[in-house]
C-alpha atoms as a PDB file:
ATOM      1  CA  MET A   1      -0.144  -0.208   0.147  1.00  0.00           C
ATOM      2  CA  ALA A   2       2.797   2.016   0.418  1.00  0.00           C
ATOM      3  CA  ALA A   3       4.072   2.116  -2.856  1.00  0.00           C
ATOM      4  CA  MET A   4       0.626   2.986  -4.417  1.00  0.00           C
ATOM      5  CA  THR A   5       0.358   5.772  -1.995  1.00  0.00           C
ATOM      6  CA  ASP A   6       3.892   7.066  -3.071  1.00  0.00           C
ATOM      7  CA  VAL A   7       2.576   7.858  -6.419  1.00  0.00           C
ATOM      8  CA  LEU A   8      -0.628   8.477  -5.448  1.00  0.00           C
ATOM      9  CA  VAL A   9       0.353  11.598  -3.270  1.00  0.00           C
ATOM     10  CA  PRO A  10       2.131  13.037  -5.707  1.00  0.00           C
ATOM     11  CA  ALA A  11      -0.273  12.354  -8.684  1.00  0.00           C
ATOM     12  CA  LEU A  12      -2.946  13.925  -6.362  1.00  0.00           C
ATOM     13  CA  GLU A  13      -1.153  17.206  -5.697  1.00  0.00           C
ATOM     14  CA  ASP A  14      -0.709  17.680  -9.113  1.00  0.00           C
ATOM     15  CA  ALA A  15      -4.174  17.468  -9.946  1.00  0.00           C
ATOM     16  CA  ARG A  16      -4.785  19.423  -6.993  1.00  0.00           C
ATOM     17  CA  GLU A  17      -2.560  22.424  -8.163  1.00  0.00           C
ATOM     18  CA  ALA A  18      -4.577  22.117 -12.044  1.00  0.00           C
ATOM     19  CA  HIS A  19      -8.101  22.664  -9.903  1.00  0.00           C
ATOM     20  CA  ALA A  20      -6.481  24.666  -8.191  1.00  0.00           C
ATOM     21  CA  ALA A  21      -5.275  26.979 -11.077  1.00  0.00           C
ATOM     22  CA  VAL A  22      -9.527  26.379 -13.311  1.00  0.00           C
ATOM     23  CA  VAL A  23     -10.596  27.960  -9.917  1.00  0.00           C
ATOM     24  CA  ASP A  24      -8.230  30.759  -9.453  1.00  0.00           C
ATOM     25  CA  ARG A  25      -8.824  31.631 -13.610  1.00  0.00           C
ATOM     26  CA  PHE A  26     -12.621  31.213 -13.276  1.00  0.00           C
ATOM     27  CA  ARG A  27     -12.669  33.744  -9.820  1.00  0.00           C
ATOM     28  CA  MET A  28     -10.244  35.964 -12.132  1.00  0.00           C
ATOM     29  CA  ASP A  29     -12.892  36.325 -15.065  1.00  0.00           C
ATOM     30  CA  VAL A  30     -15.969  36.711 -12.070  1.00  0.00           C
ATOM     31  CA  THR A  31     -14.001  40.063 -11.287  1.00  0.00           C
ATOM     32  CA  ILE A  32     -13.643  41.672 -14.529  1.00  0.00           C
ATOM     33  CA  THR A  33     -16.802  40.371 -15.777  1.00  0.00           C
ATOM     34  CA  PRO A  34     -19.977  43.193 -15.360  1.00  0.00           C
ATOM     35  CA  PRO A  35     -22.908  41.579 -13.752  1.00  0.00           C
ATOM     36  CA  GLY A  36     -25.754  39.953 -15.382  1.00  0.00           C
ATOM     37  CA  ALA A  37     -25.826  36.415 -17.108  1.00  0.00           C
ATOM     38  CA  ARG A  38     -22.477  36.258 -18.048  1.00  0.00           C
ATOM     39  CA  ARG A  39     -20.869  36.830 -14.431  1.00  0.00           C
ATOM     40  CA  GLN A  40     -23.771  34.207 -12.743  1.00  0.00           C
ATOM     41  CA  ARG A  41     -22.406  31.451 -15.415  1.00  0.00           C
ATOM     42  CA  LEU A  42     -19.255  31.747 -14.604  1.00  0.00           C
ATOM     43  CA  GLU A  43     -19.863  31.979 -11.100  1.00  0.00           C
ATOM     44  CA  ARG A  44     -21.728  28.950 -10.969  1.00  0.00           C
ATOM     45  CA  GLN A  45     -18.545  27.042 -12.737  1.00  0.00           C
ATOM     46  CA  VAL A  46     -16.363  27.975  -9.727  1.00  0.00           C
ATOM     47  CA  ALA A  47     -18.662  25.456  -7.678  1.00  0.00           C
ATOM     48  CA  ASP A  48     -17.729  22.047 -10.082  1.00  0.00           C
ATOM     49  CA  PRO A  49     -13.428  23.097 -10.361  1.00  0.00           C
ATOM     50  CA  GLU A  50     -13.837  23.687  -6.257  1.00  0.00           C
ATOM     51  CA  ASP A  51     -15.431  20.728  -5.391  1.00  0.00           C
ATOM     52  CA  HIS A  52     -13.307  18.293  -7.252  1.00  0.00           C
ATOM     53  CA  LEU A  53     -10.471  20.153  -5.582  1.00  0.00           C
ATOM     54  CA  GLY A  54     -11.955  19.634  -1.387  1.00  0.00           C
ATOM     55  CA  ARG A  55     -12.485  16.547  -2.844  1.00  0.00           C
ATOM     56  CA  ILE A  56      -8.561  15.969  -3.898  1.00  0.00           C
ATOM     57  CA  GLU A  57      -7.670  17.874  -0.835  1.00  0.00           C
ATOM     58  CA  ASP A  58      -9.712  15.111   1.513  1.00  0.00           C
ATOM     59  CA  ARG A  59      -8.025  12.342  -0.487  1.00  0.00           C
ATOM     60  CA  VAL A  60      -4.724  12.908   0.279  1.00  0.00           C
ATOM     61  CA  ARG A  61      -5.002  13.870   4.043  1.00  0.00           C
ATOM     62  CA  ALA A  62      -6.740  10.364   4.543  1.00  0.00           C
ATOM     63  CA  MET A  63      -3.724   8.430   2.087  1.00  0.00           C
ATOM     64  CA  ARG A  64      -0.757  10.722   4.697  1.00  0.00           C
ATOM     65  CA  PRO A  65       0.135   9.273   7.364  1.00  0.00           C
ATOM     66  CA  PRO A  66      -0.341  10.720  10.537  1.00  0.00           C
ATOM     67  CA  ARG A  67       2.489  12.859  11.285  1.00  0.00           C
ATOM     68  CA  GLY A  68       5.220  11.479  13.998  1.00  0.00           C
ATOM     69  CA  ALA A  69       3.995   8.060  13.008  1.00  0.00           C
END
């Protein structure tokens, strides 16, 4: 199991970074988009990668051994 964790954690961290970049980009687009339907659509689109980001972070925490162990 440790070997798989050694491979999966870095891959999940890479995926987390990619999702974080998407979230940052959507947020930036939201801030420069005038109020209206397009801005509302962008705000809704942020929720999906944010959810994925949280799930990735939860999985990495679950796979890492407790500190000091």
